[in-house]
């Protein structure tokens, strides 16, 4: 799998997700085999103004490479400046044209760009002229069900120099509800010569394999399905390669990975931030196990790292099979 000159080891990519794909999460997903991982969305304006929070999003380690940096903004010139500043931190740059969140859209960024193909053309051209790194864009089907213009935007992206495009086949108006229209990924693949990456509704390894077979896409992007489930990356790679994946994780393995993730977060960001940020991840690791609801309530009330760790140990130990 190539994106421009960048070679990936496999066809499973970790989606950029705000509030999720921080450095500890990316390192963990890389350990489970992700061919490419992405930063959280980085504000072009924040980066050009040297915002402390924005700069923290670019923190990286060699073992997670190759790393994609995703930028968002509404002004071509600002985005080009941000691309130049972000270039030393990653191996690939991506422009977000798919985020449906109100605070992003109201600024004219994210999926709001799907309403303005002319601005999209200027944006990609400006960034392409700024950097020699591989350049990708992530889009939705369109703004709403009446303006599904993903084919037009795909052609623009290719013509202006993008090296690949990711399609989440839902319009912005659909949010994450209903089903993703995978057939649109196949339609886009048929009209473009650059790689097409499919995104949306990959919750099992079979989903990843099916998306590639049904659409002909070059790679799949795992997002929400990976919450508390890095095994989805590992097993999707196996399914796509036609090999037998390992057995699903038992509570003991879930505990080991949850510990590893927790320790990484503490090491990188410190106990205060880990106490808050790890709550959601620890709850996701517990999903589907007996007593998960009570565990979630307790984790969200824990006031110290030690208490958080104790709750994790007790919960997963209690869920181990009785001899």
Protein backbone atom coordinates (compact mmCIF):
# COMPACT_ATOMS: atom_id res chain seq x y z
CA UNK A 1 0.00 0.00 0.00
CA UNK A 2 1.53 3.30 -1.15
CA UNK A 3 0.35 6.86 -0.56
CA UNK A 4 2.56 8.85 -2.87
CA UNK A 5 6.09 7.67 -2.05
CA UNK A 6 5.10 6.52 1.46
CA UNK A 7 4.89 2.75 1.80
CA UNK A 8 2.60 1.27 4.45
CA UNK A 9 3.06 -2.23 5.87
CA UNK A 10 -0.63 -3.08 5.56
CA UNK A 11 -4.03 -1.70 4.57
CA UNK A 12 -5.42 -0.88 8.03
CA UNK A 13 -5.22 2.77 9.09
CA UNK A 14 -6.16 4.44 12.37
CA UNK A 15 -8.56 7.34 11.83
CA UNK A 16 -7.75 10.80 13.20
CA UNK A 17 -10.21 11.44 16.07
CA UNK A 18 -10.39 14.53 18.27
CA UNK A 19 -10.02 13.68 21.93
CA UNK A 20 -9.04 10.09 21.13
CA UNK A 21 -5.94 9.68 18.95
CA UNK A 22 -3.43 11.24 21.31
CA UNK A 23 0.11 9.89 21.56
CA UNK A 24 -0.60 7.04 24.06
CA UNK A 25 -3.54 5.78 21.98
CA UNK A 26 -1.53 5.91 18.76
CA UNK A 27 1.41 4.07 20.32
CA UNK A 28 -0.94 1.32 21.50
CA UNK A 29 -2.62 0.99 18.11
CA UNK A 30 0.77 0.88 16.44
CA UNK A 31 1.73 -2.01 18.73
CA UNK A 32 -1.32 -3.84 17.38
CA UNK A 33 -0.10 -3.32 13.83
CA UNK A 34 -1.78 -0.22 12.37
CA UNK A 35 -0.10 0.58 9.07
CA UNK A 36 -0.58 4.32 9.57
CA UNK A 37 -1.75 6.36 12.55
CA UNK A 38 -3.04 9.92 12.62
CA UNK A 39 -2.85 12.77 15.08
CA UNK A 40 -5.96 14.41 16.43
CA UNK A 41 -7.24 17.30 14.32
CA UNK A 42 -4.80 20.20 14.50
CA UNK A 43 -6.19 23.70 14.04
CA UNK A 44 -4.41 25.59 11.27
CA UNK A 45 -5.04 28.89 13.05
CA UNK A 46 -3.91 27.49 16.38
CA UNK A 47 -0.70 26.23 14.84
CA UNK A 48 0.12 29.50 13.10
CA UNK A 49 -0.51 31.38 16.35
CA UNK A 50 1.78 28.93 18.21
CA UNK A 51 -0.95 27.86 20.62
CA UNK A 52 0.37 25.65 23.43
CA UNK A 53 -2.49 23.14 23.22
CA UNK A 54 -2.12 22.90 19.44
CA UNK A 55 1.61 22.28 19.68
CA UNK A 56 1.02 19.49 22.20
CA UNK A 57 -1.04 17.65 19.58
CA UNK A 58 2.13 17.29 17.49
CA UNK A 59 4.05 15.45 20.22
CA UNK A 60 5.33 12.19 18.75
CA UNK A 61 7.73 9.27 19.17
CA UNK A 62 9.74 7.39 16.52
CA UNK A 63 8.04 4.06 17.22
CA UNK A 64 4.66 5.32 15.99
CA UNK A 65 5.91 6.28 12.53
CA UNK A 66 4.68 6.62 9.89
CA UNK A 67 2.50 9.35 11.35
CA UNK A 68 -0.10 11.43 9.56
CA UNK A 69 -0.85 14.97 10.77
CA UNK A 70 -4.43 16.07 10.16
CA UNK A 71 -5.05 19.80 9.76
CA UNK A 72 -8.34 21.67 9.69
CA UNK A 73 -9.22 25.22 8.74
CA UNK A 74 -11.24 27.32 6.33
CA UNK A 75 -8.62 29.59 4.75
CA UNK A 76 -6.28 28.19 2.06
CA UNK A 77 -3.41 30.52 2.93
CA UNK A 78 -3.58 29.77 6.67
CA UNK A 79 -3.74 26.05 5.97
CA UNK A 80 -0.67 26.28 3.74
CA UNK A 81 1.25 28.06 6.49
CA UNK A 82 0.16 25.42 8.99
CA UNK A 83 1.25 22.67 6.61
CA UNK A 84 4.73 24.14 6.46
CA UNK A 85 4.89 24.30 10.27
CA UNK A 86 3.54 20.75 10.72
CA UNK A 87 5.76 19.19 8.06
CA UNK A 88 8.71 18.33 10.38
CA UNK A 89 6.46 16.39 12.77
CA UNK A 90 4.94 13.78 10.46
CA UNK A 91 5.32 11.67 7.34
CA UNK A 92 2.03 12.69 5.70
CA UNK A 93 -0.39 15.62 5.87
CA UNK A 94 -4.17 15.34 5.72
CA UNK A 95 -6.83 18.02 5.31
CA UNK A 96 -10.03 17.45 7.27
CA UNK A 97 -13.11 18.08 5.14
CA UNK A 98 -15.39 15.69 6.97
CA UNK A 99 -15.74 16.64 10.65
CA UNK A 100 -19.45 17.19 11.40
CA UNK A 101 -19.03 18.84 14.83
CA UNK A 102 -20.82 22.19 15.13
CA UNK A 103 -17.91 24.17 16.56
CA UNK A 104 -15.76 23.12 13.57
CA UNK A 105 -18.46 23.56 10.94
CA UNK A 106 -19.55 27.02 12.08
CA UNK A 107 -16.06 28.29 11.24
CA UNK A 108 -16.40 27.00 7.69
CA UNK A 109 -14.03 24.09 8.38
CA UNK A 110 -14.51 20.33 8.36
CA UNK A 111 -17.55 19.09 6.45
CA UNK A 112 -18.71 22.68 5.83
CA UNK A 113 -16.11 22.72 3.06
CA UNK A 114 -18.20 20.19 1.13
CA UNK A 115 -20.49 23.12 0.27
CA UNK A 116 -17.62 25.00 -1.41
CA UNK A 117 -15.76 22.94 -4.05
CA UNK A 118 -13.95 26.05 -5.29
CA UNK A 119 -12.44 26.66 -1.85
CA UNK A 120 -11.51 22.98 -1.62
CA UNK A 121 -9.57 23.30 -4.90
CA UNK A 122 -7.68 26.37 -3.64
CA UNK A 123 -7.00 24.73 -0.30
CA UNK A 124 -5.49 21.56 -1.74
CA UNK A 125 -3.50 23.50 -4.34
CA UNK A 126 -2.10 25.84 -1.66
CA UNK A 127 -1.00 23.01 0.61
CA UNK A 128 0.36 20.99 -2.32
CA UNK A 129 2.52 23.93 -3.35
CA UNK A 130 3.85 24.21 0.21
CA UNK A 131 4.93 20.64 0.99
CA UNK A 132 6.52 17.63 -0.66
CA UNK A 133 5.04 15.26 1.92
CA UNK A 134 2.28 12.90 0.81
CA UNK A 135 -1.01 14.81 0.96
CA UNK A 136 -4.44 13.30 1.60
CA UNK A 137 -7.94 14.65 2.23
CA UNK A 138 -10.76 13.14 4.31
CA UNK A 139 -14.28 13.90 3.14
CA UNK A 140 -17.92 12.96 3.64
CA UNK A 141 -20.46 12.20 0.92
CA UNK A 142 -21.61 15.81 0.97
CA UNK A 143 -23.29 18.39 3.15
CA UNK A 144 -26.72 16.74 3.13
CA UNK A 145 -28.68 14.05 1.30
CA UNK A 146 -29.47 16.50 -1.52
CA UNK A 147 -25.86 17.46 -2.22
CA UNK A 148 -23.82 14.27 -2.26
CA UNK A 149 -20.93 15.75 -4.25
CA UNK A 150 -18.16 13.35 -3.20
CA UNK A 151 -17.36 12.42 -6.82
CA UNK A 152 -16.83 16.07 -7.76
CA UNK A 153 -14.69 16.70 -4.69
CA UNK A 154 -12.71 13.51 -5.34
CA UNK A 155 -11.85 14.62 -8.86
CA UNK A 156 -10.83 18.05 -7.56
CA UNK A 157 -8.57 16.46 -4.95
CA UNK A 158 -6.84 14.32 -7.57
CA UNK A 159 -6.48 17.19 -10.05
CA UNK A 160 -4.98 19.51 -7.42
CA UNK A 161 -2.32 17.03 -6.35
CA UNK A 162 -3.70 14.94 -3.47
CA UNK A 163 -2.03 11.54 -3.18
CA UNK A 164 -5.06 9.74 -1.69
CA UNK A 165 -8.56 10.43 -0.44
CA UNK A 166 -10.57 9.00 2.44
CA UNK A 167 -14.35 8.84 2.14
CA UNK A 168 -16.73 8.44 5.06
CA UNK A 169 -19.90 7.75 3.06
CA UNK A 170 -22.41 9.69 5.11
CA UNK A 171 -23.39 13.33 4.49
CA UNK A 172 -22.79 15.77 7.31
CA UNK A 173 -26.52 15.95 8.04
CA UNK A 174 -26.54 12.23 8.88
CA UNK A 175 -23.87 12.51 11.56
CA UNK A 176 -23.00 8.95 12.56
CA UNK A 177 -26.58 7.69 12.41
CA UNK A 178 -27.97 5.06 10.08
CA UNK A 179 -25.68 3.06 7.84
CA UNK A 180 -22.66 4.22 5.89
CA UNK A 181 -23.27 3.93 2.13
CA UNK A 182 -20.27 1.76 1.28
CA UNK A 183 -21.32 1.65 -2.39
CA UNK A 184 -20.24 5.30 -2.63
CA UNK A 185 -16.68 4.27 -1.76
CA UNK A 186 -16.82 1.90 -4.74
CA UNK A 187 -18.17 4.68 -6.99
CA UNK A 188 -15.32 6.97 -5.99
CA UNK A 189 -12.73 4.23 -6.54
CA UNK A 190 -13.98 3.74 -10.10
CA UNK A 191 -13.42 7.38 -11.13
CA UNK A 192 -10.06 8.07 -9.46
CA UNK A 193 -6.55 6.82 -10.09
CA UNK A 194 -5.21 7.82 -6.65
CA UNK A 195 -5.78 5.46 -3.68
CA UNK A 196 -9.20 5.56 -2.04
CA UNK A 197 -9.44 4.76 1.68
CA UNK A 198 -12.79 3.59 3.02
CA UNK A 199 -14.15 4.73 6.38
CA UNK A 200 -17.35 4.07 8.29
CA UNK A 201 -19.02 1.22 10.19
CA UNK A 202 -16.00 -1.04 10.63
CA UNK A 203 -16.75 -2.73 13.94
CA UNK A 204 -15.53 -6.28 13.25
CA UNK A 205 -12.57 -7.73 11.31
CA UNK A 206 -15.09 -9.12 8.84
CA UNK A 207 -16.35 -5.59 8.18
CA UNK A 208 -12.85 -4.47 7.15
CA UNK A 209 -12.43 -7.41 4.78
CA UNK A 210 -15.92 -6.94 3.35
CA UNK A 211 -15.40 -3.23 2.70
CA UNK A 212 -12.30 -3.94 0.61
CA UNK A 213 -13.97 -6.74 -1.32
CA UNK A 214 -17.23 -4.86 -1.95
CA UNK A 215 -15.78 -1.46 -2.83
CA UNK A 216 -12.31 -2.18 -4.21
CA UNK A 217 -10.88 0.46 -1.87
CA UNK A 218 -7.14 0.43 -1.28
CA UNK A 219 -7.26 0.55 2.53
CA UNK A 220 -9.69 0.83 5.43
CA UNK A 221 -9.75 3.37 8.23
CA UNK A 222 -10.78 2.28 11.72
CA UNK A 223 -12.42 4.85 13.97
CA UNK A 224 -15.11 4.26 16.60
CA UNK A 225 -14.81 0.48 16.29
CA UNK A 226 -11.36 0.69 17.87
CA UNK A 227 -12.57 2.27 21.12
CA UNK A 228 -11.29 -0.07 23.82
CA UNK A 229 -10.63 -2.62 21.09
CA UNK A 230 -7.12 -2.44 19.58
CA UNK A 231 -7.59 -6.12 18.70
CA UNK A 232 -9.80 -4.89 15.85
CA UNK A 233 -6.70 -3.54 14.11
CA UNK A 234 -4.73 -6.77 14.57
CA UNK A 235 -7.60 -9.03 13.51
CA UNK A 236 -8.60 -6.86 10.54
CA UNK A 237 -5.06 -7.15 9.19
CA UNK A 238 -5.33 -10.92 9.51
CA UNK A 239 -8.74 -11.11 7.82
CA UNK A 240 -7.65 -8.97 4.89
CA UNK A 241 -4.51 -11.11 4.48
CA UNK A 242 -6.62 -14.28 4.58
CA UNK A 243 -5.01 -15.65 7.73
CA UNK A 244 -6.66 -16.90 10.90
CA UNK A 245 -6.74 -14.22 13.63
CA UNK A 246 -5.92 -15.10 17.24
CA UNK A 247 -8.69 -15.88 19.70
CA UNK A 248 -10.67 -12.90 21.07
CA UNK A 249 -9.11 -11.35 24.18
CA UNK A 250 -10.14 -12.75 27.54
CA UNK A 251 -10.48 -10.52 30.66
CA UNK A 252 -6.84 -11.18 31.57
CA UNK A 253 -5.64 -9.88 28.19
CA UNK A 254 -7.98 -6.89 28.38
CA UNK A 255 -6.50 -6.09 31.79
CA UNK A 256 -2.94 -6.28 30.46
CA UNK A 257 -3.71 -3.90 27.57
CA UNK A 258 -5.71 -1.52 29.76
CA UNK A 259 -2.74 -1.40 32.17
CA UNK A 260 -0.35 -0.71 29.30
CA UNK A 261 -2.54 2.11 27.96
CA UNK A 262 -2.96 3.58 31.45
CA UNK A 263 0.78 3.49 32.15
CA UNK A 264 1.58 5.11 28.79
CA UNK A 265 -0.84 7.96 29.53
CA UNK A 266 0.68 8.56 32.96
CA UNK A 267 4.23 8.43 31.56
CA UNK A 268 3.50 10.91 28.76
CA UNK A 269 1.01 13.32 30.31
CA UNK A 270 1.23 12.82 34.06
CA UNK A 271 -1.25 11.53 36.63
CA UNK A 272 -3.58 14.53 36.69
CA UNK A 273 -4.40 14.39 32.98
CA UNK A 274 -4.40 10.58 32.88
CA UNK A 275 -6.99 10.43 35.67
CA UNK A 276 -9.45 12.37 33.51
CA UNK A 277 -8.57 11.28 29.99
CA UNK A 278 -8.34 7.55 30.72
CA UNK A 279 -11.86 7.34 32.14
CA UNK A 280 -13.49 6.84 28.75
CA UNK A 281 -10.86 4.38 27.57
CA UNK A 282 -11.08 2.21 30.69
CA UNK A 283 -14.87 2.12 30.36
CA UNK A 284 -14.52 0.98 26.74
CA UNK A 285 -12.14 -1.84 27.73
CA UNK A 286 -14.85 -3.10 30.11
CA UNK A 287 -17.62 -3.03 27.51
CA UNK A 288 -19.61 -6.24 27.25
CA UNK A 289 -18.36 -7.77 30.49
CA UNK A 290 -20.58 -8.48 33.52
CA UNK A 291 -20.70 -5.53 35.90
CA UNK A 292 -19.52 -3.01 33.29
CA UNK A 293 -22.19 -0.43 34.21
CA UNK A 294 -21.19 -0.38 37.88
CA UNK A 295 -17.52 -0.23 36.85
CA UNK A 296 -18.18 2.80 34.63
CA UNK A 297 -19.90 4.61 37.48
CA UNK A 298 -17.02 3.89 39.86
CA UNK A 299 -14.30 4.84 37.36
CA UNK A 300 -15.94 8.19 36.66
CA UNK A 301 -15.97 8.99 40.38
CA UNK A 302 -12.40 7.91 41.12
CA UNK A 303 -10.40 10.85 42.49
CA UNK A 304 -6.89 9.43 42.31
CA UNK A 305 -4.76 7.35 39.97
CA UNK A 306 -4.27 4.73 42.68
CA UNK A 307 -8.04 4.35 43.10
CA UNK A 308 -8.46 4.16 39.33
CA UNK A 309 -5.86 1.41 39.09
CA UNK A 310 -7.41 -0.54 41.94
CA UNK A 311 -10.84 -0.45 40.30
CA UNK A 312 -9.38 -1.73 37.03
CA UNK A 313 -7.53 -4.59 38.73
CA UNK A 314 -10.57 -5.63 40.73
CA UNK A 315 -13.01 -5.49 37.83
CA UNK A 316 -11.02 -7.54 35.33
CA UNK A 317 -9.84 -10.02 37.97
CA UNK A 318 -13.45 -10.61 39.02
CA UNK A 319 -14.29 -11.32 35.37
CA UNK A 320 -11.63 -13.98 34.91
CA UNK A 321 -13.08 -17.47 34.32
CA UNK A 322 -13.41 -19.55 37.49
CA UNK A 323 -11.25 -22.68 37.58
